[in-house]
Amino acid sequence: MAMRLARQWRVGSSQKRQDLITAYLCLLPWMAGFLSFVFGPMLFSLGLSFFRSDLLTSTFFVGLDNYRDLFREDLFWKSLRVTFIYAFSTVPLGSCLALMIALVLNQKLLGLGIWRTIYYLPTVISGVAVSLLWLQIFNPRAGLLNNFLAIFSVDGPSWLYSSTWALPSLIIMSVWGVGANMLLYLAGLQGIPTHLYEAATIDGANSIRKFWHVTIPMLTPTIFFNVTIGLIYAFQFFTQAFIMTRRGAEQRHAEHGALPLPQGVPADPFRLRFGRGLGPFCNHHYLYPDIPVLVPALGLLRRRSGQITATGMAARAAREVCPLGPGR
């Protein structure tokens, strides 16, 4: 009996070892790409931030002088404020719109696959193409948006060419690409057990109560994921702002702090002394120090809400739909 158990244990350990090796072999291409193109450049940029260099000729070690000059720069703090405004405007707005579209597409509609493809299509378009498209839409003279407003005798603003409307223009453009979040919400909606809705119907819940007490609690993991990833990408927003504001008024926007980081810098970042070593680090990786604070904070909020597991959320949904419980 003991020999049989030992043989079974060896067979099980060997199988687990093979599965582990297979898993690491499958992960090897991704790990190699991450180390080569993400983690490696991050370390290089971090090290470069302690030097003054133009990346072409000379390099001088300056210690923390780059950071000291950065924090003393008024433009940095203005742009940081605008970045937070952008992030905490686009994420809630985009999440709500994506959830609304997902609720509509979760119904039995004619040509449902076509509609899903149409809404997801903007997500796969490159940032440069999106920027050029919205440059034409926001054109103050012949743009599609101002022409539409002119139908109702409304004079449209200058949009990207105005310090007041530059940031709202970028927020409006960002809402256009909610297709990825929409698909995640759609997958979450289709994963909600139907018996919860059936029980809510039997208990007399209307559509609004079903949404607030069944759909939202069961979608909490998806909402948490979308909000977290959305905030990370919002703080790293660069390509569209860089391209769309390079024509004409970008310097005026920068002086008024009307653009997010790292766009709120002069057209030539090497004119600023801290930009010589710190520019690449800020342009691509300034968010990463915030992630250890951002993600645990959101996790704490989710944990305090009492919605950690699907079982707990289902029980809470059932209690809220029928507070007295079954048979009472």
Protein backbone atom coordinates (compact mmCIF):
# COMPACT_ATOMS: atom_id res chain seq x y z
CA MET A 1 0.00 0.00 0.00
CA ALA A 2 2.80 2.42 0.91
CA MET A 3 4.68 1.60 -2.31
CA ARG A 4 1.54 2.24 -4.36
CA LEU A 5 1.02 5.64 -2.72
CA ALA A 6 4.69 6.55 -3.29
CA ARG A 7 4.43 5.57 -6.96
CA GLN A 8 1.27 7.64 -7.41
CA TRP A 9 2.95 10.59 -5.70
CA ARG A 10 5.95 10.34 -8.06
CA VAL A 11 3.67 10.15 -11.09
CA GLY A 12 1.69 13.17 -9.89
CA SER A 13 4.84 15.18 -9.15
CA SER A 14 6.27 14.34 -12.58
CA GLN A 15 3.06 15.46 -14.27
CA LYS A 16 3.01 18.72 -12.30
CA ARG A 17 6.64 19.32 -13.22
CA GLN A 18 5.91 18.77 -16.91
CA ASP A 19 2.91 21.09 -16.74
CA LEU A 20 5.06 23.75 -15.05
CA ILE A 21 7.77 23.45 -17.71
CA THR A 22 5.15 23.68 -20.47
CA ALA A 23 3.62 26.76 -18.87
CA TYR A 24 6.99 28.54 -18.62
CA LEU A 25 7.82 27.63 -22.24
CA CYS A 26 4.54 29.18 -23.35
CA LEU A 27 5.26 32.29 -21.28
CA LEU A 28 8.86 32.58 -22.50
CA PRO A 29 8.13 34.70 -25.63
CA TRP A 30 6.07 37.17 -23.61
CA MET A 31 8.65 37.31 -20.82
CA ALA A 32 11.43 37.92 -23.34
CA GLY A 33 9.45 40.74 -24.96
CA PHE A 34 8.59 42.27 -21.59
CA LEU A 35 12.19 42.25 -20.39
CA SER A 36 13.52 43.56 -23.72
CA PHE A 37 10.96 46.21 -24.63
CA VAL A 38 9.31 47.24 -21.34
CA PHE A 39 11.32 46.50 -18.21
CA GLY A 40 14.71 47.09 -19.85
CA PRO A 41 13.81 50.53 -21.26
CA MET A 42 12.26 51.45 -17.90
CA LEU A 43 15.53 50.73 -16.10
CA PHE A 44 17.48 52.61 -18.78
CA SER A 45 15.19 55.63 -18.53
CA LEU A 46 15.40 55.59 -14.74
CA GLY A 47 19.18 55.54 -14.90
CA LEU A 48 19.23 58.24 -17.56
CA SER A 49 17.21 60.53 -15.31
CA PHE A 50 20.31 60.96 -13.11
CA PHE A 51 22.34 62.29 -16.05
CA ARG A 52 22.28 65.33 -18.31
CA SER A 53 22.48 64.02 -21.84
CA ASP A 54 21.22 64.66 -25.35
CA LEU A 55 21.65 60.93 -26.16
CA LEU A 56 24.03 61.86 -28.99
CA THR A 57 27.17 63.57 -27.75
CA SER A 58 27.99 64.08 -24.06
CA THR A 59 26.58 62.66 -20.81
CA PHE A 60 27.16 64.14 -17.34
CA PHE A 61 26.09 62.72 -14.01
CA VAL A 62 23.99 65.29 -12.12
CA GLY A 63 22.39 63.16 -9.41
CA LEU A 64 18.98 64.45 -8.33
CA ASP A 65 19.32 67.84 -10.04
CA ASN A 66 16.93 66.82 -12.82
CA TYR A 67 14.22 65.92 -10.31
CA ARG A 68 14.86 69.05 -8.27
CA ASP A 69 14.48 71.26 -11.36
CA LEU A 70 11.39 69.34 -12.44
CA PHE A 71 9.56 69.85 -9.16
CA ARG A 72 10.45 73.54 -9.18
CA GLU A 73 8.96 74.02 -12.65
CA ASP A 74 5.48 75.60 -12.50
CA LEU A 75 4.57 74.09 -15.87
CA PHE A 76 5.07 70.59 -14.47
CA TRP A 77 2.53 71.12 -11.69
CA LYS A 78 0.01 72.73 -14.05
CA SER A 79 0.30 69.85 -16.47
CA LEU A 80 0.07 67.34 -13.63
CA ARG A 81 -3.19 68.94 -12.51
CA VAL A 82 -4.58 68.77 -16.03
CA THR A 83 -3.49 65.14 -16.30
CA PHE A 84 -5.51 64.25 -13.21
CA ILE A 85 -8.51 66.15 -14.59
CA TYR A 86 -8.19 64.25 -17.86
CA ALA A 87 -7.84 60.86 -16.17
CA PHE A 88 -10.72 61.28 -13.72
CA SER A 89 -12.96 62.69 -16.45
CA THR A 90 -12.38 60.15 -19.21
CA VAL A 91 -12.44 57.00 -17.08
CA PRO A 92 -15.88 57.46 -15.42
CA LEU A 93 -17.38 58.87 -18.62
CA GLY A 94 -15.95 56.10 -20.79
CA SER A 95 -16.93 53.37 -18.32
CA CYS A 96 -20.54 54.56 -18.15
CA LEU A 97 -20.83 54.85 -21.92
CA ALA A 98 -19.24 51.42 -22.45
CA LEU A 99 -21.66 49.85 -19.96
CA MET A 100 -24.64 51.49 -21.66
CA ILE A 101 -23.57 50.18 -25.06
CA ALA A 102 -22.94 46.72 -23.61
CA LEU A 103 -26.43 46.64 -22.10
CA VAL A 104 -27.94 47.48 -25.49
CA LEU A 105 -25.81 44.95 -27.37
CA ASN A 106 -26.65 42.27 -24.81
CA GLN A 107 -30.21 42.24 -26.15
CA LYS A 108 -31.45 40.20 -29.08
CA LEU A 109 -30.98 42.67 -31.91
CA LEU A 110 -30.89 42.25 -35.67
CA GLY A 111 -27.29 42.17 -36.95
CA LEU A 112 -25.84 42.02 -33.43
CA GLY A 113 -22.41 40.85 -34.62
CA ILE A 114 -22.15 43.76 -37.04
CA TRP A 115 -22.98 46.29 -34.33
CA ARG A 116 -20.41 44.79 -31.97
CA THR A 117 -17.78 45.01 -34.69
CA ILE A 118 -18.65 48.64 -35.46
CA TYR A 119 -18.35 49.70 -31.82
CA TYR A 120 -15.10 47.79 -31.32
CA LEU A 121 -13.47 48.97 -34.57
CA PRO A 122 -12.13 52.32 -33.20
CA THR A 123 -10.09 50.38 -30.64
CA VAL A 124 -7.92 48.66 -33.26
CA ILE A 125 -7.15 51.87 -35.19
CA SER A 126 -3.71 53.30 -34.52
CA GLY A 127 -3.34 56.44 -32.43
CA VAL A 128 -1.92 58.40 -35.36
CA ALA A 129 -4.88 57.59 -37.62
CA VAL A 130 -7.32 58.50 -34.83
CA SER A 131 -5.51 61.80 -34.29
CA LEU A 132 -5.65 62.74 -37.98
CA LEU A 133 -9.34 61.85 -38.12
CA TRP A 134 -10.25 63.98 -35.11
CA LEU A 135 -8.09 66.83 -36.37
CA GLN A 136 -10.49 67.06 -39.29
CA ILE A 137 -13.54 66.74 -37.01
CA PHE A 138 -12.27 69.50 -34.70
CA ASN A 139 -11.25 71.83 -37.52
CA PRO A 140 -12.74 75.19 -36.48
CA ARG A 141 -13.44 76.30 -40.08
CA ALA A 142 -14.44 73.20 -42.03
CA GLY A 143 -14.70 70.56 -39.32
CA LEU A 144 -17.57 68.12 -39.14
CA LEU A 145 -18.47 69.09 -35.58
CA ASN A 146 -18.68 72.85 -36.18
CA ASN A 147 -20.61 72.30 -39.40
CA PHE A 148 -23.11 70.23 -37.43
CA LEU A 149 -23.44 72.97 -34.80
CA ALA A 150 -23.92 75.54 -37.56
CA ILE A 151 -27.14 73.77 -38.57
CA PHE A 152 -28.60 74.93 -35.26
CA SER A 153 -27.09 78.43 -35.64
CA VAL A 154 -24.43 77.71 -33.01
CA ASP A 155 -20.93 79.06 -33.48
CA GLY A 156 -18.58 76.24 -32.62
CA PRO A 157 -15.43 76.92 -30.56
CA SER A 158 -11.87 76.67 -31.83
CA TRP A 159 -11.49 73.30 -30.10
CA LEU A 160 -7.81 72.28 -30.23
CA TYR A 161 -6.74 75.83 -31.08
CA SER A 162 -8.25 77.20 -27.87
CA SER A 163 -6.69 76.95 -24.42
CA THR A 164 -10.18 76.59 -22.97
CA TRP A 165 -11.38 73.83 -25.27
CA ALA A 166 -8.15 71.86 -25.88
CA LEU A 167 -8.62 69.53 -22.90
CA PRO A 168 -12.40 68.98 -23.44
CA SER A 169 -11.60 68.12 -27.07
CA LEU A 170 -9.22 65.37 -25.98
CA ILE A 171 -11.78 64.07 -23.48
CA ILE A 172 -14.46 63.92 -26.19
CA MET A 173 -12.09 62.07 -28.49
CA SER A 174 -11.14 59.53 -25.81
CA VAL A 175 -14.78 58.57 -25.24
CA TRP A 176 -14.96 57.50 -28.89
CA GLY A 177 -12.72 54.48 -28.24
CA VAL A 178 -14.72 52.61 -25.59
CA GLY A 179 -14.98 49.42 -27.65
CA ALA A 180 -12.55 47.37 -25.55
CA ASN A 181 -14.34 48.20 -22.30
CA MET A 182 -17.65 47.52 -24.00
CA LEU A 183 -16.56 43.98 -24.92
CA LEU A 184 -15.42 43.29 -21.35
CA TYR A 185 -18.72 44.52 -19.96
CA LEU A 186 -20.57 42.45 -22.54
CA ALA A 187 -18.67 39.33 -21.49
CA GLY A 188 -19.44 40.11 -17.85
CA LEU A 189 -23.14 40.57 -18.59
CA GLN A 190 -23.33 37.26 -20.41
CA GLY A 191 -21.66 35.56 -17.44
CA ILE A 192 -24.34 36.65 -14.95
CA PRO A 193 -26.52 33.64 -14.01
CA THR A 194 -30.03 34.01 -15.38
CA HIS A 195 -31.60 32.52 -12.26
CA LEU A 196 -30.74 35.73 -10.38
CA TYR A 197 -32.89 37.74 -12.77
CA GLU A 198 -35.62 35.11 -12.60
CA ALA A 199 -35.61 35.22 -8.79
CA ALA A 200 -35.73 39.03 -8.89
CA THR A 201 -38.70 38.90 -11.27
CA ILE A 202 -40.57 36.52 -8.98
CA ASP A 203 -39.89 38.87 -6.06
CA GLY A 204 -41.44 41.74 -8.03
CA ALA A 205 -38.29 43.67 -8.96
CA ASN A 206 -38.56 45.97 -11.95
CA SER A 207 -35.82 46.56 -14.53
CA ILE A 208 -34.16 49.37 -12.55
CA ARG A 209 -33.96 47.29 -9.36
CA LYS A 210 -32.58 44.36 -11.33
CA PHE A 211 -29.89 46.62 -12.75
CA TRP A 212 -28.83 48.14 -9.41
CA HIS A 213 -29.16 45.04 -7.23
CA VAL A 214 -28.21 42.23 -9.62
CA THR A 215 -26.30 43.55 -12.64
CA ILE A 216 -24.03 46.08 -10.92
CA PRO A 217 -22.99 43.80 -8.01
CA MET A 218 -22.23 40.93 -10.38
CA LEU A 219 -20.25 43.24 -12.67
CA THR A 220 -18.07 44.59 -9.86
CA PRO A 221 -14.93 42.60 -10.86
CA THR A 222 -15.26 43.80 -14.46
CA ILE A 223 -15.86 47.40 -13.37
CA PHE A 224 -12.84 47.25 -11.07
CA PHE A 225 -10.64 45.91 -13.88
CA ASN A 226 -11.84 48.48 -16.42
CA VAL A 227 -11.41 51.41 -14.03
CA THR A 228 -7.92 50.32 -12.97
CA ILE A 229 -6.65 49.75 -16.52
CA GLY A 230 -8.42 52.88 -17.72
CA LEU A 231 -6.69 55.06 -15.12
CA ILE A 232 -3.30 53.59 -16.01
CA TYR A 233 -3.78 54.28 -19.72
CA ALA A 234 -5.21 57.74 -19.01
CA PHE A 235 -2.09 58.74 -17.07
CA GLN A 236 0.04 57.47 -19.98
CA PHE A 237 -1.95 59.38 -22.60
CA PHE A 238 0.53 60.90 -25.05
CA THR A 239 0.26 60.03 -28.75
CA GLN A 240 -2.99 61.80 -29.63
CA ALA A 241 -2.21 64.90 -27.57
CA PHE A 242 1.26 65.12 -29.09
CA ILE A 243 0.03 64.86 -32.68
CA MET A 244 -3.16 66.89 -32.42
CA THR A 245 -1.64 69.89 -30.67
CA ARG A 246 1.57 70.28 -32.66
CA ARG A 247 -0.10 72.58 -35.16
CA GLY A 248 -0.41 76.21 -34.22
CA ALA A 249 -1.31 76.72 -30.61
CA GLU A 250 0.61 74.06 -28.66
CA GLN A 251 2.96 76.56 -27.06
CA ARG A 252 0.07 78.68 -25.79
CA HIS A 253 -1.61 75.55 -24.40
CA ALA A 254 1.61 74.59 -22.65
CA GLU A 255 2.04 78.00 -21.08
CA HIS A 256 -1.50 77.89 -19.69
CA GLY A 257 -1.16 74.29 -18.54
CA ALA A 258 -4.04 73.23 -20.79
CA LEU A 259 -2.58 69.89 -21.88
CA PRO A 260 -1.84 66.69 -19.99
CA LEU A 261 1.61 65.40 -19.16
CA PRO A 262 3.96 65.07 -20.92
CA GLN A 263 2.46 67.31 -23.58
CA GLY A 264 2.61 70.40 -21.38
CA VAL A 265 6.24 71.10 -22.31
CA PRO A 266 7.74 73.31 -25.00
CA ALA A 267 8.03 71.95 -28.52
CA ASP A 268 11.73 71.26 -27.98
CA PRO A 269 12.04 69.35 -24.68
CA PHE A 270 15.83 69.63 -24.74
CA ARG A 271 15.56 73.38 -24.15
CA LEU A 272 14.70 72.59 -20.54
CA ARG A 273 17.67 71.41 -18.52
CA PHE A 274 15.78 68.71 -16.68
CA GLY A 275 14.48 67.40 -20.01
CA ARG A 276 17.97 66.32 -21.09
CA GLY A 277 18.02 63.35 -18.80
CA LEU A 278 14.53 63.17 -17.39
CA GLY A 279 12.47 63.67 -20.57
CA PRO A 280 12.39 60.04 -21.77
CA PHE A 281 11.64 58.83 -18.26
CA CYS A 282 8.72 61.24 -17.82
CA ASN A 283 7.34 60.76 -21.32
CA HIS A 284 6.84 57.02 -21.02
CA HIS A 285 7.10 55.86 -17.43
CA TYR A 286 6.03 58.64 -15.07
CA LEU A 287 2.93 56.68 -14.09
CA TYR A 288 4.68 53.55 -12.83
CA PRO A 289 5.55 54.97 -9.38
CA ASP A 290 1.81 55.67 -8.91
CA ILE A 291 0.72 52.10 -9.66
CA PRO A 292 1.74 50.68 -6.22
CA VAL A 293 -0.51 53.36 -4.69
CA LEU A 294 -3.35 53.38 -7.22
CA VAL A 295 -4.06 49.65 -7.46
CA PRO A 296 -4.07 48.88 -3.68
CA ALA A 297 -6.29 51.93 -3.10
CA LEU A 298 -8.85 50.71 -5.62
CA GLY A 299 -8.56 47.20 -4.19
CA LEU A 300 -9.24 48.54 -0.70
CA LEU A 301 -12.36 50.33 -1.91
CA ARG A 302 -13.56 47.15 -3.57
CA ARG A 303 -12.77 45.09 -0.49
CA ARG A 304 -14.60 47.51 1.81
CA SER A 305 -17.68 47.24 -0.38
CA GLY A 306 -18.03 43.61 0.61
CA GLN A 307 -18.02 42.41 -3.01
CA ILE A 308 -14.97 40.19 -3.20
CA THR A 309 -16.29 36.94 -4.60
CA ALA A 310 -19.08 36.09 -7.00
CA THR A 311 -20.79 34.12 -4.25
CA GLY A 312 -20.77 37.09 -1.90
CA MET A 313 -22.09 39.40 -4.61
CA ALA A 314 -24.87 36.98 -5.52
CA ALA A 315 -25.91 36.68 -1.88
CA ARG A 316 -25.89 40.45 -1.47
CA ALA A 317 -27.89 40.89 -4.68
CA ALA A 318 -30.47 38.39 -3.45
CA ARG A 319 -30.77 40.14 -0.08
CA GLU A 320 -31.20 43.56 -1.68
CA VAL A 321 -33.79 42.37 -4.17
CA CYS A 322 -35.77 40.58 -1.46
CA PRO A 323 -34.73 42.09 1.89
CA LEU A 324 -37.07 39.87 3.94
CA GLY A 325 -35.69 36.70 2.42
CA PRO A 326 -37.57 33.82 0.82
CA GLY A 327 -40.68 32.53 2.48
CA ARG A 328 -41.18 35.57 4.75
